[in-house]
Every structure is written in C-alpha cells, then in structure tokens.
Amino acid sequence: MAPGSNLQRRLAAGAFAVTAEVTPPLTADAGALSAKAAPLKGRVDAVNVTDAAGARAALGSFAAAAILARDGIDPVLQVTCRDRNRIALVGDLLGAAAQGVGNVLVLHGDDPAGGDQPDAKPVYDLDTTGLIGLIRRMRDDGVLPSGRAIEPAPGFFIGAADTPHDPAPDWRPTGLLAKLEAGADFVQTQFCFDLEVARRYLARLSDAGIPERLKILIGIGPLASARSARWMNANLFGVSVPDAVIDRLEKAADAKAEGRRICIELMQGLQEVPGVAGVHIMAPNQSMETVARVIDEAGLRGEQSVV
C-alpha cells in the first residue's frame, strides 16, 4: 500500500516520528479546537484527538479529526470500542475518511463508571482486535463483513495501543501480536519514563519480530510536578514513574522546567533504542504550548512537518 497520511509517509521513510495528543474541549465551536491544537502545527508529524477520554463527553473525536485535517494538521483519530456498535463504527469511519482523516488508533475505551455520567451503558460490540480487523478488511479488501463493497475503500493507517513494562522471563507479547496479525500498522504506547525499561521491552518485542513489521511510538510527556507523577503511578494503568524521576522533580527549584528536561532526555534517549520508530507526547491538563516548548527545546522544530 502506498503511504497516504503524513505520519505514514514519515515512518515509511525511516524518520523518527513525533506525535502529540489533544483532548477536544467541551464545546460546539470548531475554533476552540483549532486554537488549542495550533501550537503543534508544523512541530509534529500528527496530532491525536481523544475519544471521550476518561469516559467524559467532549467534542467528538470524529468531528475533531476532520477539523484538524481541514486546518492542515494530520490527525490520528482515536476510536474506542466503548460507545458504538459495528454499524455506527463503519459509518463514522467512512465519514472520517471522506473528510481527509488518514490515521486511526483503536482503543478499548475507559469504563463509563469512572466518568461523569456513570449510568451510561457501554457497547463493546467489537473488541480492539476485532475492530482493527474490520478496518483492515475495509481498507485492503474494500468490503464489509457482509460482503458489501465500499467504493472507494478508505486508506487508513491503522494504530493500536500497548503498555511498555519490564517483561518477566516467560512473557510473550501475545496481545500485541494479535493486533499485528489483525492489521495494525503502528503502535502508540502508554507513558514510559524509564529508558532501561524501554530497552528491555523493545528487546523482547524484537525477539518476536514485531518492530520489523510494526512502527512503535513510545509514550512520553512533560511531568508537571512530583505530586502529578505520584498521581499517575496511583491512577493510570501501566504507568510507573521511577523514584529517581520523582526525586528530581521534588528537589527542582522549578518542577515544570525539570519535567520538560526529563521529557527531552527521554525523547533523545529513545532515538537510540533499537526498534523505536518515534515518540508520542501526552500532557494531560497541560497546555499545548508546553508540548511545543518541549519539542523546540529538544531541537526537533522544523524536522517534523504536517504539510
């Protein structure tokens, strides 16, 4: 398949990709999202838009991705299995493709019980592997499971999620292998704040031949404070901020500046880890100006372009 989206082209060319993430605001104004994402334009290869992160409703990710595409930003459409059955998913995915959205990241979706409308009923008609397989068939075969033809078919670059960790001796990446076999083309991971863990995790993925077939972007971000790091350890599945990092933040005269420095060090170090194709920068509850500053201070501005 010829590379379509900017992100796909960059990764196909062997460039070290940089993506970032925007949580759409709770608004009916497209301009509010455009303004929020504006600092990232020209600094990253693609921008993710979340799909009701934390099971809290916001401007929908399908519309948000179309708005970014209109603005000249290559969007990564996050789509969860939580809220739609396969009929709605197909219709919304085709609508996104028709509006210039070329990347999609398939996620399970946060439990509504933890959101601000806990009585909402989850759907989960498909799991993540099933939805990845459906999108691949739509793209590669141009058909729905029923056999109905899609003319023309969407050209999605398909993403999956994973959680970096220090693998046990008997661990095998069975979940990621299943997503790969279903049709995933790239992976954006949960936060990883430990380069040694990243090296060991990638080494085990390499043993399974995964980086040769799947582009892996490791999740990083600028930590705002030691308190924030401890909260992430306690509340975010799969996240482990090392004690040494928390200690640095605690002792720093300017914790936010230290958090940026740690993020830059990770970004630079990950470029040297075999099998890492890029980084995915997430900064919950922080401005996109902060993410832009990290990219600029890392000396990456101008190397990544969305046009």
C-alpha atoms as a PDB file:
ATOM      1  CA  MET A   1       0.000   0.000   0.000  1.00  0.00           C
ATOM      2  CA  ALA A   2       1.443   3.384  -0.979  1.00  0.00           C
ATOM      3  CA  PRO A   3       1.942   5.704   2.037  1.00  0.00           C
ATOM      4  CA  GLY A   4      -1.041   8.018   2.430  1.00  0.00           C
ATOM      5  CA  SER A   5      -1.009  10.164   5.571  1.00  0.00           C
ATOM      6  CA  ASN A   6       1.892  12.369   6.581  1.00  0.00           C
ATOM      7  CA  LEU A   7       2.574  10.123   9.575  1.00  0.00           C
ATOM      8  CA  GLN A   8       2.632   7.027   7.394  1.00  0.00           C
ATOM      9  CA  ARG A   9       4.992   8.671   4.908  1.00  0.00           C
ATOM     10  CA  ARG A  10       7.380   9.811   7.662  1.00  0.00           C
ATOM     11  CA  LEU A  11       7.518   6.372   9.234  1.00  0.00           C
ATOM     12  CA  ALA A  12       7.877   4.640   5.864  1.00  0.00           C
ATOM     13  CA  ALA A  13      10.863   6.899   5.145  1.00  0.00           C
ATOM     14  CA  GLY A  14      12.541   5.791   8.375  1.00  0.00           C
ATOM     15  CA  ALA A  15      12.258   9.181  10.073  1.00  0.00           C
ATOM     16  CA  PHE A  16      11.975   9.363  13.863  1.00  0.00           C
ATOM     17  CA  ALA A  17       8.357  10.436  14.180  1.00  0.00           C
ATOM     18  CA  VAL A  18       6.896  12.785  16.795  1.00  0.00           C
ATOM     19  CA  THR A  19       3.175  12.805  17.516  1.00  0.00           C
ATOM     20  CA  ALA A  20       1.210  14.597  20.213  1.00  0.00           C
ATOM     21  CA  GLU A  21      -2.258  14.415  21.695  1.00  0.00           C
ATOM     22  CA  VAL A  22      -5.087  16.922  22.101  1.00  0.00           C
ATOM     23  CA  THR A  23      -8.163  16.368  24.229  1.00  0.00           C
ATOM     24  CA  PRO A  24     -11.035  18.110  22.406  1.00  0.00           C
ATOM     25  CA  PRO A  25     -12.786  20.701  24.581  1.00  0.00           C
ATOM     26  CA  LEU A  26     -16.405  20.519  25.686  1.00  0.00           C
ATOM     27  CA  THR A  27     -17.656  22.944  23.075  1.00  0.00           C
ATOM     28  CA  ALA A  28     -19.736  23.348  19.935  1.00  0.00           C
ATOM     29  CA  ASP A  29     -17.147  25.765  18.486  1.00  0.00           C
ATOM     30  CA  ALA A  30     -14.672  24.308  15.981  1.00  0.00           C
ATOM     31  CA  GLY A  31     -12.461  27.329  16.518  1.00  0.00           C
ATOM     32  CA  ALA A  32     -11.812  26.334  20.129  1.00  0.00           C
ATOM     33  CA  LEU A  33     -10.221  23.064  18.999  1.00  0.00           C
ATOM     34  CA  SER A  34      -8.281  24.793  16.226  1.00  0.00           C
ATOM     35  CA  ALA A  35      -6.854  27.280  18.709  1.00  0.00           C
ATOM     36  CA  LYS A  36      -5.924  24.528  21.156  1.00  0.00           C
ATOM     37  CA  ALA A  37      -4.066  22.490  18.531  1.00  0.00           C
ATOM     38  CA  ALA A  38      -2.430  25.460  16.773  1.00  0.00           C
ATOM     39  CA  PRO A  39       0.870  25.367  18.749  1.00  0.00           C
ATOM     40  CA  LEU A  40       1.504  21.840  17.432  1.00  0.00           C
ATOM     41  CA  LYS A  41       1.147  22.679  13.752  1.00  0.00           C
ATOM     42  CA  GLY A  42       4.487  22.327  11.977  1.00  0.00           C
ATOM     43  CA  ARG A  43       6.090  20.801  15.070  1.00  0.00           C
ATOM     44  CA  VAL A  44       4.746  17.238  14.969  1.00  0.00           C
ATOM     45  CA  ASP A  45       4.002  14.648  12.341  1.00  0.00           C
ATOM     46  CA  ALA A  46       0.436  14.039  13.510  1.00  0.00           C
ATOM     47  CA  VAL A  47      -1.931  15.010  16.308  1.00  0.00           C
ATOM     48  CA  ASN A  48      -4.167  12.533  18.127  1.00  0.00           C
ATOM     49  CA  VAL A  49      -7.684  13.541  19.134  1.00  0.00           C
ATOM     50  CA  THR A  50      -9.076  11.578  22.065  1.00  0.00           C
ATOM     51  CA  ASP A  51     -12.442   9.812  22.053  1.00  0.00           C
ATOM     52  CA  ALA A  52     -14.222  10.823  25.285  1.00  0.00           C
ATOM     53  CA  ALA A  53     -11.104  10.253  27.385  1.00  0.00           C
ATOM     54  CA  GLY A  54     -11.871   9.288  30.950  1.00  0.00           C
ATOM     55  CA  ALA A  55     -15.400   8.441  29.766  1.00  0.00           C
ATOM     56  CA  ARG A  56     -16.195  12.154  29.798  1.00  0.00           C
ATOM     57  CA  ALA A  57     -18.068  13.562  26.793  1.00  0.00           C
ATOM     58  CA  ALA A  58     -16.413  16.287  24.725  1.00  0.00           C
ATOM     59  CA  LEU A  59     -16.340  17.427  21.106  1.00  0.00           C
ATOM     60  CA  GLY A  60     -16.390  14.065  19.301  1.00  0.00           C
ATOM     61  CA  SER A  61     -13.136  12.643  18.011  1.00  0.00           C
ATOM     62  CA  PHE A  62     -14.533  12.007  14.504  1.00  0.00           C
ATOM     63  CA  ALA A  63     -15.523  15.651  14.091  1.00  0.00           C
ATOM     64  CA  ALA A  64     -12.338  16.822  15.829  1.00  0.00           C
ATOM     65  CA  ALA A  65     -10.149  14.820  13.443  1.00  0.00           C
ATOM     66  CA  ALA A  66     -11.973  16.325  10.455  1.00  0.00           C
ATOM     67  CA  ILE A  67     -11.445  19.833  11.866  1.00  0.00           C
ATOM     68  CA  LEU A  68      -7.703  19.247  12.245  1.00  0.00           C
ATOM     69  CA  ALA A  69      -7.491  17.840   8.713  1.00  0.00           C
ATOM     70  CA  ARG A  70      -9.240  20.992   7.465  1.00  0.00           C
ATOM     71  CA  ASP A  71      -6.659  23.051   9.361  1.00  0.00           C
ATOM     72  CA  GLY A  72      -3.746  21.290   7.644  1.00  0.00           C
ATOM     73  CA  ILE A  73      -2.838  19.071  10.596  1.00  0.00           C
ATOM     74  CA  ASP A  74      -2.515  15.334  10.036  1.00  0.00           C
ATOM     75  CA  PRO A  75      -4.928  13.838  12.601  1.00  0.00           C
ATOM     76  CA  VAL A  76      -4.848  10.494  14.352  1.00  0.00           C
ATOM     77  CA  LEU A  77      -8.467   9.613  15.017  1.00  0.00           C
ATOM     78  CA  GLN A  78      -8.815   7.786  18.312  1.00  0.00           C
ATOM     79  CA  VAL A  79     -11.819   5.495  18.250  1.00  0.00           C
ATOM     80  CA  THR A  80     -12.942   3.368  21.178  1.00  0.00           C
ATOM     81  CA  CYS A  81     -14.937   0.165  21.200  1.00  0.00           C
ATOM     82  CA  ARG A  82     -16.934   1.508  24.141  1.00  0.00           C
ATOM     83  CA  ASP A  83     -19.585   3.689  22.531  1.00  0.00           C
ATOM     84  CA  ARG A  84     -20.618   2.355  19.109  1.00  0.00           C
ATOM     85  CA  ASN A  85     -21.730  -0.870  17.508  1.00  0.00           C
ATOM     86  CA  ARG A  86     -20.145  -2.006  14.251  1.00  0.00           C
ATOM     87  CA  ILE A  87     -22.788  -0.294  12.103  1.00  0.00           C
ATOM     88  CA  ALA A  88     -22.096   3.091  13.683  1.00  0.00           C
ATOM     89  CA  LEU A  89     -18.336   2.488  13.599  1.00  0.00           C
ATOM     90  CA  VAL A  90     -18.338   1.764   9.872  1.00  0.00           C
ATOM     91  CA  GLY A  91     -20.433   4.828   9.081  1.00  0.00           C
ATOM     92  CA  ASP A  92     -18.310   7.142  11.217  1.00  0.00           C
ATOM     93  CA  LEU A  93     -15.038   5.745   9.886  1.00  0.00           C
ATOM     94  CA  LEU A  94     -16.152   6.233   6.287  1.00  0.00           C
ATOM     95  CA  GLY A  95     -17.248   9.758   7.170  1.00  0.00           C
ATOM     96  CA  ALA A  96     -13.832  10.494   8.670  1.00  0.00           C
ATOM     97  CA  ALA A  97     -12.023   9.114   5.616  1.00  0.00           C
ATOM     98  CA  ALA A  98     -14.240  11.219   3.347  1.00  0.00           C
ATOM     99  CA  GLN A  99     -13.035  14.316   5.220  1.00  0.00           C
ATOM    100  CA  GLY A 100      -9.332  13.606   4.855  1.00  0.00           C
ATOM    101  CA  VAL A 101      -8.596  11.603   8.002  1.00  0.00           C
ATOM    102  CA  GLY A 102      -5.899   9.049   7.221  1.00  0.00           C
ATOM    103  CA  ASN A 103      -4.837   7.648  10.604  1.00  0.00           C
ATOM    104  CA  VAL A 104      -6.911   5.776  13.180  1.00  0.00           C
ATOM    105  CA  LEU A 105      -5.920   4.499  16.626  1.00  0.00           C
ATOM    106  CA  VAL A 106      -8.146   1.747  18.040  1.00  0.00           C
ATOM    107  CA  LEU A 107      -8.664   1.715  21.812  1.00  0.00           C
ATOM    108  CA  HIS A 108     -10.780  -0.207  24.301  1.00  0.00           C
ATOM    109  CA  GLY A 109     -12.143   2.960  25.959  1.00  0.00           C
ATOM    110  CA  ASP A 110     -12.339   3.976  29.611  1.00  0.00           C
ATOM    111  CA  ASP A 111     -15.112   2.476  31.734  1.00  0.00           C
ATOM    112  CA  PRO A 112     -18.159   4.799  31.918  1.00  0.00           C
ATOM    113  CA  ALA A 113     -18.381   4.003  35.631  1.00  0.00           C
ATOM    114  CA  GLY A 114     -15.313   6.193  36.134  1.00  0.00           C
ATOM    115  CA  GLY A 115     -16.654   9.119  34.109  1.00  0.00           C
ATOM    116  CA  ASP A 116     -19.030  11.960  34.885  1.00  0.00           C
ATOM    117  CA  GLN A 117     -22.083  10.037  33.600  1.00  0.00           C
ATOM    118  CA  PRO A 118     -21.614   6.652  35.308  1.00  0.00           C
ATOM    119  CA  ASP A 119     -25.065   5.391  34.296  1.00  0.00           C
ATOM    120  CA  ALA A 120     -24.041   5.389  30.610  1.00  0.00           C
ATOM    121  CA  LYS A 121     -24.156   1.922  29.056  1.00  0.00           C
ATOM    122  CA  PRO A 122     -21.024   0.698  27.259  1.00  0.00           C
ATOM    123  CA  VAL A 123     -21.400  -1.109  23.925  1.00  0.00           C
ATOM    124  CA  TYR A 124     -18.270  -3.172  23.181  1.00  0.00           C
ATOM    125  CA  ASP A 125     -19.835  -4.823  20.135  1.00  0.00           C
ATOM    126  CA  LEU A 126     -16.237  -5.432  18.990  1.00  0.00           C
ATOM    127  CA  ASP A 127     -13.020  -5.654  20.973  1.00  0.00           C
ATOM    128  CA  THR A 128      -9.881  -3.821  19.836  1.00  0.00           C
ATOM    129  CA  THR A 129      -8.541  -6.731  17.810  1.00  0.00           C
ATOM    130  CA  GLY A 130     -11.915  -7.217  16.146  1.00  0.00           C
ATOM    131  CA  LEU A 131     -12.193  -3.535  15.236  1.00  0.00           C
ATOM    132  CA  ILE A 132      -8.650  -3.457  13.862  1.00  0.00           C
ATOM    133  CA  GLY A 133      -9.554  -6.455  11.695  1.00  0.00           C
ATOM    134  CA  LEU A 134     -12.737  -4.772  10.485  1.00  0.00           C
ATOM    135  CA  ILE A 135     -10.847  -1.609   9.459  1.00  0.00           C
ATOM    136  CA  ARG A 136      -8.174  -3.657   7.702  1.00  0.00           C
ATOM    137  CA  ARG A 137     -10.809  -5.519   5.676  1.00  0.00           C
ATOM    138  CA  MET A 138     -12.485  -2.222   4.797  1.00  0.00           C
ATOM    139  CA  ARG A 139      -9.132  -0.896   3.568  1.00  0.00           C
ATOM    140  CA  ASP A 140      -7.473  -3.910   1.958  1.00  0.00           C
ATOM    141  CA  ASP A 141     -10.485  -5.813   0.651  1.00  0.00           C
ATOM    142  CA  GLY A 142     -12.871  -2.895   0.158  1.00  0.00           C
ATOM    143  CA  VAL A 143     -15.739  -4.774   1.744  1.00  0.00           C
ATOM    144  CA  LEU A 144     -17.789  -5.021   4.917  1.00  0.00           C
ATOM    145  CA  PRO A 145     -18.072  -8.366   6.745  1.00  0.00           C
ATOM    146  CA  SER A 146     -21.434  -8.785   4.995  1.00  0.00           C
ATOM    147  CA  GLY A 147     -19.651  -8.656   1.640  1.00  0.00           C
ATOM    148  CA  ARG A 148     -20.994  -5.247   0.592  1.00  0.00           C
ATOM    149  CA  ALA A 149     -18.413  -3.363  -1.453  1.00  0.00           C
ATOM    150  CA  ILE A 150     -17.004   0.012  -0.386  1.00  0.00           C
ATOM    151  CA  GLU A 151     -16.281   2.240  -3.391  1.00  0.00           C
ATOM    152  CA  PRO A 152     -13.728   3.648  -2.951  1.00  0.00           C
ATOM    153  CA  ALA A 153     -12.298   1.996   0.140  1.00  0.00           C
ATOM    154  CA  PRO A 154     -10.689   4.094   2.911  1.00  0.00           C
ATOM    155  CA  GLY A 155      -6.882   4.129   3.088  1.00  0.00           C
ATOM    156  CA  PHE A 156      -6.438   4.146   6.846  1.00  0.00           C
ATOM    157  CA  PHE A 157      -3.066   3.816   8.564  1.00  0.00           C
ATOM    158  CA  ILE A 158      -4.155   1.635  11.488  1.00  0.00           C
ATOM    159  CA  GLY A 159      -2.849   2.054  15.003  1.00  0.00           C
ATOM    160  CA  ALA A 160      -3.066   0.058  18.218  1.00  0.00           C
ATOM    161  CA  ALA A 161      -2.059   0.706  21.822  1.00  0.00           C
ATOM    162  CA  ASP A 162       0.276  -1.135  24.164  1.00  0.00           C
ATOM    163  CA  THR A 163       1.839  -0.674  27.602  1.00  0.00           C
ATOM    164  CA  PRO A 164       5.639  -0.733  27.964  1.00  0.00           C
ATOM    165  CA  HIS A 165       6.805  -2.671  31.018  1.00  0.00           C
ATOM    166  CA  ASP A 166       9.729  -4.643  32.390  1.00  0.00           C
ATOM    167  CA  PRO A 167       8.989  -8.087  30.941  1.00  0.00           C
ATOM    168  CA  ALA A 168       9.184 -11.233  33.040  1.00  0.00           C
ATOM    169  CA  PRO A 169      11.378 -14.047  31.668  1.00  0.00           C
ATOM    170  CA  ASP A 170       8.379 -16.014  30.416  1.00  0.00           C
ATOM    171  CA  TRP A 171       6.475 -13.028  28.986  1.00  0.00           C
ATOM    172  CA  ARG A 172       5.403 -13.013  25.356  1.00  0.00           C
ATOM    173  CA  PRO A 173       3.672 -10.086  23.594  1.00  0.00           C
ATOM    174  CA  THR A 174       0.622 -12.153  22.680  1.00  0.00           C
ATOM    175  CA  GLY A 175      -1.812  -9.220  22.775  1.00  0.00           C
ATOM    176  CA  LEU A 176       0.320  -7.053  20.527  1.00  0.00           C
ATOM    177  CA  LEU A 177       0.956  -9.947  18.161  1.00  0.00           C
ATOM    178  CA  ALA A 178      -2.810 -10.458  17.858  1.00  0.00           C
ATOM    179  CA  LYS A 179      -3.301  -6.787  16.970  1.00  0.00           C
ATOM    180  CA  LEU A 180      -0.477  -7.008  14.443  1.00  0.00           C
ATOM    181  CA  GLU A 181      -1.985 -10.070  12.802  1.00  0.00           C
ATOM    182  CA  ALA A 182      -5.393  -8.353  12.741  1.00  0.00           C
ATOM    183  CA  GLY A 183      -3.948  -5.492  10.703  1.00  0.00           C
ATOM    184  CA  ALA A 184      -2.266  -2.879  12.926  1.00  0.00           C
ATOM    185  CA  ASP A 185       0.429  -0.807  11.202  1.00  0.00           C
ATOM    186  CA  PHE A 186       1.722   1.252  14.136  1.00  0.00           C
ATOM    187  CA  VAL A 187       1.571   1.407  17.918  1.00  0.00           C
ATOM    188  CA  GLN A 188       1.367   4.353  20.297  1.00  0.00           C
ATOM    189  CA  THR A 189       2.104   3.271  23.850  1.00  0.00           C
ATOM    190  CA  GLN A 190       1.184   4.336  27.350  1.00  0.00           C
ATOM    191  CA  PHE A 191       3.698   6.575  29.159  1.00  0.00           C
ATOM    192  CA  CYS A 192       7.194   5.188  29.693  1.00  0.00           C
ATOM    193  CA  PHE A 193       9.536   7.217  31.904  1.00  0.00           C
ATOM    194  CA  ASP A 194      12.371   4.689  32.186  1.00  0.00           C
ATOM    195  CA  LEU A 195      14.808   4.219  29.297  1.00  0.00           C
ATOM    196  CA  GLU A 196      16.090   0.911  30.649  1.00  0.00           C
ATOM    197  CA  VAL A 197      12.548  -0.474  30.799  1.00  0.00           C
ATOM    198  CA  ALA A 198      12.001   0.745  27.229  1.00  0.00           C
ATOM    199  CA  ARG A 199      15.164  -1.033  26.090  1.00  0.00           C
ATOM    200  CA  ARG A 200      14.195  -4.327  27.707  1.00  0.00           C
ATOM    201  CA  TYR A 201      10.612  -4.081  26.443  1.00  0.00           C
ATOM    202  CA  LEU A 202      11.769  -3.375  22.869  1.00  0.00           C
ATOM    203  CA  ALA A 203      14.338  -6.151  23.051  1.00  0.00           C
ATOM    204  CA  ARG A 204      11.578  -8.644  23.838  1.00  0.00           C
ATOM    205  CA  LEU A 205       9.388  -7.250  21.053  1.00  0.00           C
ATOM    206  CA  SER A 206      12.375  -7.643  18.730  1.00  0.00           C
ATOM    207  CA  ASP A 207      12.731 -11.281  19.788  1.00  0.00           C
ATOM    208  CA  ALA A 208       9.170 -11.741  18.470  1.00  0.00           C
ATOM    209  CA  GLY A 209       9.976  -9.893  15.227  1.00  0.00           C
ATOM    210  CA  ILE A 210       7.479  -7.122  15.957  1.00  0.00           C
ATOM    211  CA  PRO A 211       9.464  -3.910  15.211  1.00  0.00           C
ATOM    212  CA  GLU A 212      10.231  -5.248  11.735  1.00  0.00           C
ATOM    213  CA  ARG A 213       6.512  -5.276  10.966  1.00  0.00           C
ATOM    214  CA  LEU A 214       5.057  -2.596  13.239  1.00  0.00           C
ATOM    215  CA  LYS A 215       6.115   1.008  13.821  1.00  0.00           C
ATOM    216  CA  ILE A 216       6.371   1.624  17.574  1.00  0.00           C
ATOM    217  CA  LEU A 217       5.999   5.101  19.096  1.00  0.00           C
ATOM    218  CA  ILE A 218       6.718   5.267  22.824  1.00  0.00           C
ATOM    219  CA  GLY A 219       4.539   7.480  25.010  1.00  0.00           C
ATOM    220  CA  ILE A 220       6.296  10.230  26.957  1.00  0.00           C
ATOM    221  CA  GLY A 221       5.306  13.583  28.422  1.00  0.00           C
ATOM    222  CA  PRO A 222       6.427  16.573  30.482  1.00  0.00           C
ATOM    223  CA  LEU A 223       5.650  15.890  34.130  1.00  0.00           C
ATOM    224  CA  ALA A 224       4.293  18.970  35.930  1.00  0.00           C
ATOM    225  CA  SER A 225       5.314  18.033  39.476  1.00  0.00           C
ATOM    226  CA  ALA A 226       6.254  15.207  41.821  1.00  0.00           C
ATOM    227  CA  ARG A 227       2.662  15.184  43.015  1.00  0.00           C
ATOM    228  CA  SER A 228       1.442  14.700  39.447  1.00  0.00           C
ATOM    229  CA  ALA A 229       3.910  11.840  38.946  1.00  0.00           C
ATOM    230  CA  ARG A 230       2.680  10.085  42.090  1.00  0.00           C
ATOM    231  CA  TRP A 231      -0.916  10.530  40.945  1.00  0.00           C
ATOM    232  CA  MET A 232      -0.081   8.889  37.625  1.00  0.00           C
ATOM    233  CA  ASN A 233       1.520   5.943  39.415  1.00  0.00           C
ATOM    234  CA  ALA A 234      -1.587   5.501  41.524  1.00  0.00           C
ATOM    235  CA  ASN A 235      -4.265   6.091  38.898  1.00  0.00           C
ATOM    236  CA  LEU A 236      -3.033   5.343  35.363  1.00  0.00           C
ATOM    237  CA  PHE A 237      -2.924   1.693  34.361  1.00  0.00           C
ATOM    238  CA  GLY A 238       0.545   0.529  33.403  1.00  0.00           C
ATOM    239  CA  VAL A 239       2.315   3.789  34.318  1.00  0.00           C
ATOM    240  CA  SER A 240       5.361   3.632  36.589  1.00  0.00           C
ATOM    241  CA  VAL A 241       7.293   6.857  37.115  1.00  0.00           C
ATOM    242  CA  PRO A 242      10.637   5.829  38.688  1.00  0.00           C
ATOM    243  CA  ASP A 243      11.530   7.073  42.156  1.00  0.00           C
ATOM    244  CA  ALA A 244      14.619   8.790  40.720  1.00  0.00           C
ATOM    245  CA  VAL A 245      12.435  10.885  38.423  1.00  0.00           C
ATOM    246  CA  ILE A 246      10.063  11.812  41.235  1.00  0.00           C
ATOM    247  CA  ASP A 247      13.085  12.760  43.371  1.00  0.00           C
ATOM    248  CA  ARG A 248      14.384  15.067  40.628  1.00  0.00           C
ATOM    249  CA  LEU A 249      11.014  16.789  40.408  1.00  0.00           C
ATOM    250  CA  GLU A 250      10.808  17.109  44.195  1.00  0.00           C
ATOM    251  CA  LYS A 251      14.231  18.728  44.511  1.00  0.00           C
ATOM    252  CA  ALA A 252      13.938  21.017  41.491  1.00  0.00           C
ATOM    253  CA  ALA A 253      13.560  24.762  42.026  1.00  0.00           C
ATOM    254  CA  ASP A 254      11.212  24.766  39.004  1.00  0.00           C
ATOM    255  CA  ALA A 255       9.420  21.428  38.764  1.00  0.00           C
ATOM    256  CA  LYS A 256       7.784  22.194  35.420  1.00  0.00           C
ATOM    257  CA  ALA A 257      11.121  23.102  33.835  1.00  0.00           C
ATOM    258  CA  GLU A 258      12.627  19.916  35.275  1.00  0.00           C
ATOM    259  CA  GLY A 259       9.701  17.926  33.882  1.00  0.00           C
ATOM    260  CA  ARG A 260      10.427  19.346  30.443  1.00  0.00           C
ATOM    261  CA  ARG A 261      14.109  18.431  30.784  1.00  0.00           C
ATOM    262  CA  ILE A 262      13.223  14.861  31.737  1.00  0.00           C
ATOM    263  CA  CYS A 263      10.916  14.611  28.720  1.00  0.00           C
ATOM    264  CA  ILE A 264      13.629  15.916  26.407  1.00  0.00           C
ATOM    265  CA  GLU A 265      16.142  13.426  27.819  1.00  0.00           C
ATOM    266  CA  LEU A 266      13.680  10.606  27.178  1.00  0.00           C
ATOM    267  CA  MET A 267      12.983  11.852  23.662  1.00  0.00           C
ATOM    268  CA  GLN A 268      16.694  11.942  22.887  1.00  0.00           C
ATOM    269  CA  GLY A 269      17.425   8.619  24.567  1.00  0.00           C
ATOM    270  CA  LEU A 270      14.612   6.796  22.788  1.00  0.00           C
ATOM    271  CA  GLN A 271      16.102   7.769  19.437  1.00  0.00           C
ATOM    272  CA  GLU A 272      18.967   5.407  20.303  1.00  0.00           C
ATOM    273  CA  VAL A 273      16.794   2.436  21.316  1.00  0.00           C
ATOM    274  CA  PRO A 274      16.590  -0.173  18.534  1.00  0.00           C
ATOM    275  CA  GLY A 275      13.034  -0.723  17.367  1.00  0.00           C
ATOM    276  CA  VAL A 276      11.666   2.648  18.481  1.00  0.00           C
ATOM    277  CA  ALA A 277      10.193   4.479  15.487  1.00  0.00           C
ATOM    278  CA  GLY A 278       9.185   7.648  17.340  1.00  0.00           C
ATOM    279  CA  VAL A 279       7.594   9.188  20.395  1.00  0.00           C
ATOM    280  CA  HIS A 280       4.043  10.117  21.299  1.00  0.00           C
ATOM    281  CA  ILE A 281       3.872  13.145  23.611  1.00  0.00           C
ATOM    282  CA  MET A 282       0.966  13.376  26.036  1.00  0.00           C
ATOM    283  CA  ALA A 283       0.451  16.199  28.530  1.00  0.00           C
ATOM    284  CA  PRO A 284      -2.899  15.815  30.333  1.00  0.00           C
ATOM    285  CA  ASN A 285      -4.090  19.033  31.984  1.00  0.00           C
ATOM    286  CA  GLN A 286      -1.222  20.994  30.447  1.00  0.00           C
ATOM    287  CA  SER A 287      -1.261  23.426  27.555  1.00  0.00           C
ATOM    288  CA  MET A 288      -0.148  22.552  24.064  1.00  0.00           C
ATOM    289  CA  GLU A 289       2.315  25.431  24.401  1.00  0.00           C
ATOM    290  CA  THR A 290       4.121  23.252  26.944  1.00  0.00           C
ATOM    291  CA  VAL A 291       4.359  20.405  24.436  1.00  0.00           C
ATOM    292  CA  ALA A 292       5.530  22.833  21.751  1.00  0.00           C
ATOM    293  CA  ARG A 293       8.213  24.146  24.114  1.00  0.00           C
ATOM    294  CA  VAL A 294       9.492  20.622  24.786  1.00  0.00           C
ATOM    295  CA  ILE A 295       9.786  19.968  21.062  1.00  0.00           C
ATOM    296  CA  ASP A 296      11.563  23.261  20.474  1.00  0.00           C
ATOM    297  CA  GLU A 297      13.956  22.765  23.404  1.00  0.00           C
ATOM    298  CA  ALA A 298      14.734  19.275  22.111  1.00  0.00           C
ATOM    299  CA  GLY A 299      15.808  20.820  18.808  1.00  0.00           C
ATOM    300  CA  LEU A 300      13.172  18.999  16.776  1.00  0.00           C
ATOM    301  CA  ARG A 301      11.257  22.007  15.481  1.00  0.00           C
ATOM    302  CA  GLY A 302      11.313  22.132  11.708  1.00  0.00           C
ATOM    303  CA  GLU A 303      12.155  18.427  11.284  1.00  0.00           C
ATOM    304  CA  GLN A 304       8.571  17.316  11.679  1.00  0.00           C
ATOM    305  CA  SER A 305       6.007  18.868   9.382  1.00  0.00           C
ATOM    306  CA  VAL A 306       2.332  18.216   8.811  1.00  0.00           C
ATOM    307  CA  VAL A 307       2.318  19.627   5.308  1.00  0.00           C
END
